[in-house]
Amino acid sequence: MPVDRAERRRRMRRRETIRWARSLAIALAAALILRFFVLDFVRIAGVSMNDTLMTGDIALATKFDYWFSTPQRGDIALILIPGREGVFVKRVIGLPGERVDIQGDATFINGAFYDEPFVQNEAREDFSIVLGEDEYLVLGDNRYSSHDSRDADIGTLPKSAFVGRVRAIVFPFSRAGGL
């Protein structure tokens, strides 16, 4: 029995619609996987990371960095702070088992001077700590105005608090680039 021309067109349109819907579903699934497991865009709010990251900057972060490795000194990390909502951005300074001393604008790790060209001002007060096992010290680059591991309500953080690593500023374009 011959199929009329109108019926053939309907079937072709239906097939094309199904192909289009399938492609859209795959693209949406890929975007969601990227967003939730691989990449994130973070809008910076606050002055704690000045001058490295400024209020209003949008930064690209990777979320898989700490799945198979530990935070490293100098990383600009996305962290979760117990008892607080949201994700925060701080720099990793102290690693498990280290002694960290901050005196004015100088930082010492296990007694050795640690050069921090990204720090533009003195700390609000001198600070010393010996980190235990699975304890990391995170600080803002703006040492005078950063709420960070020096404060009792944050303190040192375990590896599980690290959820990503900031890689680059993507906006504003005048500041865009790797960190």
N, C-alpha and C. Protein backbone atom coordinates (compact mmCIF):
# COMPACT_ATOMS: atom_id res chain seq x y z
N MET A 1 0.84 -1.17 0.00
CA MET A 1 0.00 0.00 0.00
C MET A 1 0.89 1.24 0.00
N PRO A 2 0.76 2.08 -0.95
CA PRO A 2 1.63 3.25 -1.04
C PRO A 2 1.30 4.27 0.06
N VAL A 3 2.37 4.87 0.60
CA VAL A 3 2.20 5.90 1.62
C VAL A 3 2.15 7.23 0.89
N ASP A 4 1.15 8.00 1.23
CA ASP A 4 1.03 9.27 0.51
C ASP A 4 2.11 10.26 0.95
N ARG A 5 2.30 11.22 0.10
CA ARG A 5 3.37 12.20 0.28
C ARG A 5 3.25 12.97 1.60
N ALA A 6 2.07 13.35 2.00
CA ALA A 6 1.85 14.09 3.25
C ALA A 6 2.27 13.26 4.45
N GLU A 7 1.94 11.96 4.42
CA GLU A 7 2.31 11.07 5.53
C GLU A 7 3.84 10.95 5.62
N ARG A 8 4.52 10.85 4.51
CA ARG A 8 5.98 10.76 4.51
C ARG A 8 6.61 12.02 5.12
N ARG A 9 6.08 13.16 4.75
CA ARG A 9 6.59 14.42 5.31
C ARG A 9 6.38 14.48 6.82
N ARG A 10 5.21 14.02 7.28
CA ARG A 10 4.94 14.00 8.72
C ARG A 10 5.95 13.12 9.45
N ARG A 11 6.22 11.95 8.89
CA ARG A 11 7.19 11.03 9.51
C ARG A 11 8.58 11.65 9.53
N MET A 12 8.96 12.30 8.45
CA MET A 12 10.28 12.94 8.40
C MET A 12 10.38 14.07 9.43
N ARG A 13 9.31 14.87 9.54
CA ARG A 13 9.32 15.93 10.54
C ARG A 13 9.39 15.37 11.95
N ARG A 14 8.68 14.30 12.21
CA ARG A 14 8.70 13.66 13.52
C ARG A 14 10.11 13.15 13.85
N ARG A 15 10.75 12.49 12.89
CA ARG A 15 12.12 12.00 13.08
C ARG A 15 13.08 13.17 13.35
N GLU A 16 12.91 14.23 12.56
CA GLU A 16 13.77 15.40 12.75
C GLU A 16 13.54 16.03 14.12
N THR A 17 12.31 16.10 14.57
CA THR A 17 12.00 16.64 15.89
C THR A 17 12.61 15.78 16.99
N ILE A 18 12.54 14.47 16.83
CA ILE A 18 13.14 13.56 17.82
C ILE A 18 14.65 13.73 17.84
N ARG A 19 15.29 13.83 16.68
CA ARG A 19 16.75 14.06 16.62
C ARG A 19 17.13 15.37 17.29
N TRP A 20 16.36 16.41 17.00
CA TRP A 20 16.63 17.72 17.59
C TRP A 20 16.47 17.66 19.11
N ALA A 21 15.40 17.03 19.61
CA ALA A 21 15.16 16.91 21.05
C ALA A 21 16.28 16.09 21.72
N ARG A 22 16.71 15.02 21.07
CA ARG A 22 17.79 14.20 21.62
C ARG A 22 19.09 15.01 21.71
N SER A 23 19.41 15.77 20.66
CA SER A 23 20.62 16.61 20.67
C SER A 23 20.56 17.65 21.77
N LEU A 24 19.39 18.26 21.94
CA LEU A 24 19.22 19.26 22.99
C LEU A 24 19.38 18.62 24.38
N ALA A 25 18.82 17.44 24.59
CA ALA A 25 18.94 16.75 25.88
C ALA A 25 20.40 16.39 26.18
N ILE A 26 21.14 15.95 25.17
CA ILE A 26 22.56 15.61 25.36
C ILE A 26 23.35 16.87 25.71
N ALA A 27 23.09 17.96 24.99
CA ALA A 27 23.81 19.21 25.26
C ALA A 27 23.49 19.72 26.67
N LEU A 28 22.24 19.63 27.07
CA LEU A 28 21.85 20.06 28.42
C LEU A 28 22.51 19.20 29.48
N ALA A 29 22.53 17.88 29.28
CA ALA A 29 23.18 16.97 30.24
C ALA A 29 24.67 17.29 30.34
N ALA A 30 25.32 17.53 29.21
CA ALA A 30 26.75 17.85 29.22
C ALA A 30 27.00 19.17 29.96
N ALA A 31 26.16 20.16 29.73
CA ALA A 31 26.31 21.45 30.41
C ALA A 31 26.13 21.30 31.92
N LEU A 32 25.16 20.51 32.33
CA LEU A 32 24.94 20.30 33.76
C LEU A 32 26.10 19.55 34.40
N ILE A 33 26.62 18.56 33.72
CA ILE A 33 27.79 17.82 34.25
C ILE A 33 28.97 18.77 34.39
N LEU A 34 29.24 19.58 33.37
CA LEU A 34 30.32 20.56 33.45
C LEU A 34 30.11 21.52 34.61
N ARG A 35 28.90 22.03 34.74
CA ARG A 35 28.60 23.03 35.78
C ARG A 35 28.74 22.46 37.19
N PHE A 36 28.25 21.26 37.42
CA PHE A 36 28.23 20.73 38.78
C PHE A 36 29.49 19.96 39.16
N PHE A 37 30.26 19.46 38.20
CA PHE A 37 31.40 18.62 38.54
C PHE A 37 32.74 19.11 38.02
N VAL A 38 32.76 20.01 37.05
CA VAL A 38 34.03 20.37 36.42
C VAL A 38 34.36 21.85 36.59
N LEU A 39 33.50 22.75 36.13
CA LEU A 39 33.77 24.18 36.13
C LEU A 39 32.72 24.96 36.89
N ASP A 40 33.13 26.12 37.38
CA ASP A 40 32.19 27.01 38.03
C ASP A 40 32.66 28.44 37.78
N PHE A 41 31.73 29.36 37.75
CA PHE A 41 32.06 30.77 37.68
C PHE A 41 31.69 31.37 39.02
N VAL A 42 32.61 32.13 39.60
CA VAL A 42 32.43 32.68 40.93
C VAL A 42 32.48 34.19 40.85
N ARG A 43 31.47 34.85 41.41
CA ARG A 43 31.47 36.31 41.49
C ARG A 43 32.09 36.68 42.83
N ILE A 44 33.11 37.51 42.79
CA ILE A 44 33.83 37.90 43.99
C ILE A 44 33.06 39.02 44.69
N ALA A 45 32.86 38.83 45.99
CA ALA A 45 32.19 39.84 46.82
C ALA A 45 33.05 40.05 48.05
N GLY A 46 33.43 41.27 48.32
CA GLY A 46 34.24 41.55 49.49
C GLY A 46 35.67 41.90 49.13
N VAL A 47 36.41 42.36 50.14
CA VAL A 47 37.75 42.89 49.91
C VAL A 47 38.86 41.96 50.39
N SER A 48 38.53 40.79 50.88
CA SER A 48 39.56 39.95 51.51
C SER A 48 40.64 39.46 50.56
N MET A 49 40.36 39.41 49.25
CA MET A 49 41.38 38.95 48.30
C MET A 49 41.96 40.08 47.46
N ASN A 50 41.66 41.35 47.81
CA ASN A 50 42.27 42.48 47.10
C ASN A 50 43.78 42.39 47.21
N ASP A 51 44.53 42.67 46.28
CA ASP A 51 44.33 43.18 44.95
C ASP A 51 44.31 42.05 43.91
N THR A 52 44.40 40.82 44.35
CA THR A 52 44.39 39.70 43.42
C THR A 52 43.03 39.56 42.77
N LEU A 53 41.99 39.53 43.59
CA LEU A 53 40.59 39.46 43.13
C LEU A 53 39.84 40.62 43.76
N MET A 54 39.09 41.33 42.94
CA MET A 54 38.38 42.52 43.41
C MET A 54 36.87 42.27 43.39
N THR A 55 36.15 43.00 44.24
CA THR A 55 34.70 42.90 44.25
C THR A 55 34.16 43.11 42.84
N GLY A 56 33.29 42.21 42.41
CA GLY A 56 32.71 42.30 41.07
C GLY A 56 33.42 41.45 40.04
N ASP A 57 34.66 41.03 40.31
CA ASP A 57 35.34 40.15 39.37
C ASP A 57 34.56 38.84 39.24
N ILE A 58 34.60 38.26 38.06
CA ILE A 58 34.05 36.93 37.86
C ILE A 58 35.23 36.03 37.51
N ALA A 59 35.37 34.97 38.28
CA ALA A 59 36.52 34.08 38.12
C ALA A 59 36.06 32.69 37.71
N LEU A 60 36.90 32.02 36.96
CA LEU A 60 36.66 30.64 36.55
C LEU A 60 37.35 29.73 37.55
N ALA A 61 36.62 28.74 38.04
CA ALA A 61 37.19 27.78 39.00
C ALA A 61 36.97 26.37 38.48
N THR A 62 37.94 25.51 38.80
CA THR A 62 37.80 24.09 38.48
C THR A 62 37.45 23.36 39.76
N LYS A 63 36.54 22.40 39.65
CA LYS A 63 36.02 21.73 40.84
C LYS A 63 36.66 20.39 41.14
N PHE A 64 37.46 19.87 40.25
CA PHE A 64 37.99 18.52 40.41
C PHE A 64 39.38 18.49 41.03
N ASP A 65 39.99 19.64 41.27
CA ASP A 65 41.39 19.71 41.70
C ASP A 65 41.70 18.91 42.95
N TYR A 66 40.80 18.93 43.91
CA TYR A 66 41.10 18.31 45.20
C TYR A 66 40.46 16.93 45.37
N TRP A 67 39.94 16.37 44.29
CA TRP A 67 39.41 15.01 44.37
C TRP A 67 40.53 14.00 44.55
N PHE A 68 41.64 14.23 43.85
CA PHE A 68 42.73 13.26 43.85
C PHE A 68 44.04 13.83 44.39
N SER A 69 44.03 15.08 44.80
CA SER A 69 45.24 15.70 45.34
C SER A 69 44.86 16.60 46.50
N THR A 70 45.87 17.09 47.18
CA THR A 70 45.63 17.95 48.34
C THR A 70 45.86 19.41 47.96
N PRO A 71 45.30 20.33 48.73
CA PRO A 71 45.57 21.75 48.48
C PRO A 71 47.07 22.03 48.63
N GLN A 72 47.56 22.92 47.78
CA GLN A 72 48.97 23.29 47.80
C GLN A 72 49.11 24.76 48.19
N ARG A 73 50.23 25.07 48.81
CA ARG A 73 50.48 26.45 49.21
C ARG A 73 50.40 27.36 47.98
N GLY A 74 49.70 28.45 48.13
CA GLY A 74 49.55 29.41 47.04
C GLY A 74 48.27 29.23 46.24
N ASP A 75 47.63 28.07 46.35
CA ASP A 75 46.35 27.87 45.64
C ASP A 75 45.34 28.91 46.10
N ILE A 76 44.60 29.45 45.17
CA ILE A 76 43.43 30.27 45.51
C ILE A 76 42.26 29.31 45.44
N ALA A 77 41.70 29.00 46.59
CA ALA A 77 40.75 27.90 46.71
C ALA A 77 39.33 28.37 46.99
N LEU A 78 38.38 27.57 46.49
CA LEU A 78 36.98 27.71 46.88
C LEU A 78 36.82 26.83 48.11
N ILE A 79 36.31 27.41 49.18
CA ILE A 79 36.19 26.65 50.42
C ILE A 79 34.78 26.78 50.99
N LEU A 80 34.43 25.75 51.75
CA LEU A 80 33.20 25.78 52.54
C LEU A 80 33.62 26.02 53.98
N ILE A 81 32.94 26.93 54.64
CA ILE A 81 33.24 27.23 56.03
C ILE A 81 32.11 26.67 56.88
N PRO A 82 32.43 25.78 57.81
CA PRO A 82 31.39 25.18 58.65
C PRO A 82 30.51 26.24 59.31
N GLY A 83 29.20 26.02 59.23
CA GLY A 83 28.25 26.94 59.85
C GLY A 83 27.93 28.17 59.03
N ARG A 84 28.46 28.27 57.81
CA ARG A 84 28.18 29.42 56.96
C ARG A 84 27.66 28.97 55.62
N GLU A 85 26.80 29.78 55.05
CA GLU A 85 26.23 29.51 53.73
C GLU A 85 27.18 29.97 52.64
N GLY A 86 27.22 29.26 51.55
CA GLY A 86 27.96 29.70 50.38
C GLY A 86 29.39 29.20 50.33
N VAL A 87 30.05 29.62 49.26
CA VAL A 87 31.44 29.24 49.00
C VAL A 87 32.28 30.50 49.12
N PHE A 88 33.45 30.37 49.73
CA PHE A 88 34.34 31.49 49.96
C PHE A 88 35.64 31.27 49.20
N VAL A 89 36.35 32.36 48.94
CA VAL A 89 37.61 32.30 48.21
C VAL A 89 38.73 32.79 49.12
N LYS A 90 39.73 31.93 49.34
CA LYS A 90 40.90 32.28 50.16
C LYS A 90 42.13 31.61 49.56
N ARG A 91 43.31 32.06 50.00
CA ARG A 91 44.56 31.48 49.53
C ARG A 91 45.10 30.51 50.57
N VAL A 92 45.59 29.36 50.11
CA VAL A 92 46.19 28.36 51.01
C VAL A 92 47.60 28.83 51.35
N ILE A 93 47.87 28.95 52.66
CA ILE A 93 49.19 29.38 53.12
C ILE A 93 49.88 28.28 53.92
N GLY A 94 49.18 27.68 54.88
CA GLY A 94 49.79 26.67 55.73
C GLY A 94 49.28 25.28 55.42
N LEU A 95 50.18 24.30 55.42
CA LEU A 95 49.86 22.91 55.13
C LEU A 95 49.98 22.07 56.40
N PRO A 96 49.38 20.88 56.43
CA PRO A 96 49.41 20.05 57.63
C PRO A 96 50.82 19.86 58.19
N GLY A 97 50.91 20.02 59.52
CA GLY A 97 52.17 19.80 60.22
C GLY A 97 53.12 20.98 60.23
N GLU A 98 52.78 22.08 59.59
CA GLU A 98 53.67 23.24 59.52
C GLU A 98 53.40 24.24 60.65
N ARG A 99 54.43 25.02 60.94
CA ARG A 99 54.28 26.16 61.85
C ARG A 99 54.25 27.41 60.97
N VAL A 100 53.24 28.24 61.16
CA VAL A 100 53.12 29.48 60.39
C VAL A 100 53.13 30.65 61.37
N ASP A 101 54.01 31.61 61.11
CA ASP A 101 54.10 32.83 61.91
C ASP A 101 53.91 34.02 60.98
N ILE A 102 53.05 34.94 61.36
CA ILE A 102 52.86 36.18 60.61
C ILE A 102 53.24 37.32 61.54
N GLN A 103 54.20 38.12 61.09
CA GLN A 103 54.68 39.26 61.86
C GLN A 103 54.66 40.48 60.95
N GLY A 104 53.68 41.34 61.15
CA GLY A 104 53.53 42.52 60.29
C GLY A 104 53.21 42.09 58.88
N ASP A 105 54.10 42.42 57.93
CA ASP A 105 53.86 42.04 56.54
C ASP A 105 54.73 40.85 56.12
N ALA A 106 55.32 40.15 57.10
CA ALA A 106 56.18 39.00 56.79
C ALA A 106 55.54 37.70 57.27
N THR A 107 55.65 36.67 56.45
CA THR A 107 55.14 35.35 56.80
C THR A 107 56.32 34.38 56.84
N PHE A 108 56.32 33.54 57.87
CA PHE A 108 57.37 32.54 58.04
C PHE A 108 56.72 31.17 58.14
N ILE A 109 57.26 30.22 57.40
CA ILE A 109 56.76 28.84 57.44
C ILE A 109 57.91 27.97 57.92
N ASN A 110 57.67 27.32 59.06
CA ASN A 110 58.72 26.52 59.71
C ASN A 110 60.00 27.34 59.87
N GLY A 111 59.85 28.61 60.21
CA GLY A 111 60.99 29.49 60.48
C GLY A 111 61.59 30.16 59.26
N ALA A 112 61.22 29.74 58.06
CA ALA A 112 61.78 30.32 56.83
C ALA A 112 60.83 31.37 56.25
N PHE A 113 61.40 32.49 55.82
CA PHE A 113 60.59 33.55 55.21
C PHE A 113 59.89 33.02 53.97
N TYR A 114 58.59 33.32 53.85
CA TYR A 114 57.81 32.93 52.68
C TYR A 114 57.42 34.20 51.94
N ASP A 115 57.93 34.37 50.74
CA ASP A 115 57.67 35.57 49.94
C ASP A 115 56.25 35.53 49.40
N GLU A 116 55.51 36.60 49.66
CA GLU A 116 54.12 36.71 49.21
C GLU A 116 53.94 38.03 48.46
N PRO A 117 54.31 38.08 47.19
CA PRO A 117 54.19 39.34 46.45
C PRO A 117 52.75 39.80 46.27
N PHE A 118 51.80 38.91 46.48
CA PHE A 118 50.38 39.25 46.33
C PHE A 118 49.82 39.97 47.55
N VAL A 119 50.53 39.99 48.67
CA VAL A 119 50.07 40.68 49.87
C VAL A 119 50.53 42.14 49.81
N GLN A 120 49.57 43.06 49.93
CA GLN A 120 49.88 44.48 49.76
C GLN A 120 49.90 45.26 51.07
N ASN A 121 49.52 44.62 52.20
CA ASN A 121 49.49 45.37 53.45
C ASN A 121 49.82 44.44 54.63
N GLU A 122 50.05 45.06 55.77
CA GLU A 122 50.37 44.28 56.96
C GLU A 122 49.12 43.59 57.51
N ALA A 123 49.37 42.50 58.22
CA ALA A 123 48.28 41.82 58.92
C ALA A 123 47.77 42.72 60.04
N ARG A 124 46.54 42.52 60.44
CA ARG A 124 45.96 43.36 61.49
C ARG A 124 46.61 43.09 62.84
N GLU A 125 47.23 41.90 62.99
CA GLU A 125 47.96 41.56 64.22
C GLU A 125 48.86 40.37 63.93
N ASP A 126 49.89 40.21 64.76
CA ASP A 126 50.78 39.07 64.59
C ASP A 126 50.01 37.80 64.92
N PHE A 127 50.45 36.69 64.32
CA PHE A 127 49.71 35.43 64.44
C PHE A 127 50.68 34.27 64.33
N SER A 128 50.47 33.24 65.15
CA SER A 128 51.28 32.02 65.09
C SER A 128 50.39 30.81 65.29
N ILE A 129 50.72 29.73 64.56
CA ILE A 129 49.96 28.49 64.71
C ILE A 129 50.81 27.31 64.25
N VAL A 130 50.61 26.20 64.90
CA VAL A 130 51.18 24.94 64.43
C VAL A 130 50.00 24.10 63.96
N LEU A 131 50.02 23.71 62.70
CA LEU A 131 48.89 22.98 62.11
C LEU A 131 49.00 21.49 62.41
N GLY A 132 47.85 20.91 62.69
CA GLY A 132 47.80 19.47 62.94
C GLY A 132 47.62 18.70 61.63
N GLU A 133 47.40 17.40 61.79
CA GLU A 133 47.15 16.54 60.65
C GLU A 133 45.82 16.96 60.00
N ASP A 134 45.77 17.06 58.69
CA ASP A 134 44.57 17.46 57.93
C ASP A 134 44.07 18.85 58.34
N GLU A 135 44.99 19.76 58.63
CA GLU A 135 44.63 21.15 58.92
C GLU A 135 45.35 22.06 57.93
N TYR A 136 44.58 22.96 57.34
CA TYR A 136 45.12 23.92 56.37
C TYR A 136 44.81 25.32 56.86
N LEU A 137 45.75 26.22 56.67
CA LEU A 137 45.57 27.63 57.01
C LEU A 137 45.26 28.38 55.74
N VAL A 138 44.11 29.05 55.70
CA VAL A 138 43.73 29.85 54.52
C VAL A 138 43.60 31.31 54.95
N LEU A 139 44.15 32.19 54.12
CA LEU A 139 44.13 33.62 54.41
C LEU A 139 43.73 34.39 53.17
N GLY A 140 43.17 35.57 53.39
CA GLY A 140 42.92 36.48 52.29
C GLY A 140 44.20 37.23 51.96
N ASP A 141 44.35 37.66 50.73
CA ASP A 141 45.53 38.42 50.34
C ASP A 141 45.54 39.81 50.98
N ASN A 142 44.39 40.34 51.31
CA ASN A 142 44.26 41.62 52.00
C ASN A 142 44.30 41.30 53.50
N ARG A 143 45.50 41.09 54.03
CA ARG A 143 45.66 40.58 55.39
C ARG A 143 45.04 41.48 56.46
N TYR A 144 44.92 42.76 56.16
CA TYR A 144 44.36 43.67 57.16
C TYR A 144 42.84 43.52 57.25
N SER A 145 42.17 43.19 56.15
CA SER A 145 40.70 43.17 56.13
C SER A 145 40.14 41.83 55.68
N SER A 146 40.75 40.75 56.10
CA SER A 146 40.26 39.44 55.70
C SER A 146 39.76 38.66 56.90
N HIS A 147 38.58 38.08 56.74
CA HIS A 147 38.03 37.17 57.74
C HIS A 147 38.44 35.78 57.29
N ASP A 148 39.36 35.13 58.01
CA ASP A 148 39.97 33.90 57.52
C ASP A 148 40.36 32.98 58.66
N SER A 149 41.32 32.08 58.44
CA SER A 149 41.70 31.08 59.43
C SER A 149 42.23 31.67 60.74
N ARG A 150 42.61 32.93 60.74
CA ARG A 150 43.08 33.56 61.97
C ARG A 150 41.93 33.82 62.93
N ASP A 151 40.72 33.81 62.41
CA ASP A 151 39.54 34.08 63.25
C ASP A 151 38.98 32.79 63.82
N ALA A 152 38.61 32.81 65.10
CA ALA A 152 38.17 31.61 65.81
C ALA A 152 36.95 30.96 65.17
N ASP A 153 36.05 31.74 64.57
CA ASP A 153 34.84 31.15 64.00
C ASP A 153 35.11 30.44 62.66
N ILE A 154 36.30 30.59 62.10
CA ILE A 154 36.68 29.87 60.89
C ILE A 154 37.76 28.85 61.23
N GLY A 155 38.87 29.30 61.74
CA GLY A 155 39.96 28.41 62.13
C GLY A 155 40.56 27.67 60.95
N THR A 156 41.33 26.65 61.28
CA THR A 156 41.93 25.83 60.23
C THR A 156 40.85 24.97 59.58
N LEU A 157 41.12 24.53 58.37
CA LEU A 157 40.13 23.76 57.63
C LEU A 157 40.67 22.39 57.23
N PRO A 158 39.80 21.38 57.20
CA PRO A 158 40.22 20.06 56.71
C PRO A 158 40.18 20.04 55.18
N LYS A 159 40.82 19.05 54.58
CA LYS A 159 40.82 18.91 53.12
C LYS A 159 39.39 18.87 52.56
N SER A 160 38.47 18.29 53.31
CA SER A 160 37.08 18.17 52.84
C SER A 160 36.40 19.52 52.64
N ALA A 161 36.94 20.60 53.19
CA ALA A 161 36.35 21.93 53.03
C ALA A 161 36.70 22.57 51.68
N PHE A 162 37.65 21.97 50.96
CA PHE A 162 38.10 22.54 49.69
C PHE A 162 37.28 21.95 48.54
N VAL A 163 36.59 22.83 47.80
CA VAL A 163 35.68 22.35 46.75
C VAL A 163 36.08 22.79 45.35
N GLY A 164 37.15 23.55 45.22
CA GLY A 164 37.58 23.96 43.90
C GLY A 164 38.76 24.91 43.97
N ARG A 165 39.29 25.22 42.80
CA ARG A 165 40.45 26.10 42.72
C ARG A 165 40.21 27.17 41.67
N VAL A 166 40.41 28.42 42.04
CA VAL A 166 40.24 29.54 41.12
C VAL A 166 41.42 29.55 40.16
N ARG A 167 41.12 29.60 38.86
CA ARG A 167 42.15 29.53 37.82
C ARG A 167 42.40 30.85 37.10
N ALA A 168 41.33 31.63 36.87
CA ALA A 168 41.49 32.83 36.06
C ALA A 168 40.35 33.80 36.31
N ILE A 169 40.64 35.07 36.08
CA ILE A 169 39.60 36.09 36.06
C ILE A 169 39.08 36.13 34.64
N VAL A 170 37.76 36.06 34.47
CA VAL A 170 37.18 36.13 33.13
C VAL A 170 36.46 37.45 32.87
N PHE A 171 36.12 38.16 33.93
CA PHE A 171 35.47 39.48 33.78
C PHE A 171 35.80 40.31 35.01
N PRO A 172 36.08 41.58 34.87
CA PRO A 172 36.04 42.38 33.65
C PRO A 172 37.20 42.04 32.72
N PHE A 173 36.99 42.28 31.46
CA PHE A 173 37.98 41.91 30.45
C PHE A 173 39.32 42.62 30.68
N SER A 174 39.28 43.81 31.27
CA SER A 174 40.53 44.54 31.52
C SER A 174 41.40 43.84 32.55
N ARG A 175 40.82 42.96 33.38
CA ARG A 175 41.58 42.22 34.39
C ARG A 175 41.68 40.73 34.04
N ALA A 176 41.12 40.32 32.94
CA ALA A 176 41.05 38.90 32.59
C ALA A 176 42.44 38.31 32.44
N GLY A 177 42.54 37.07 32.90
CA GLY A 177 43.80 36.35 32.76
C GLY A 177 43.98 35.34 33.87
N GLY A 178 45.01 34.55 33.76
CA GLY A 178 45.31 33.52 34.74
C GLY A 178 45.83 34.10 36.04
N LEU A 179 45.71 33.33 37.08
CA LEU A 179 46.18 33.77 38.40
C LEU A 179 47.43 33.02 38.82
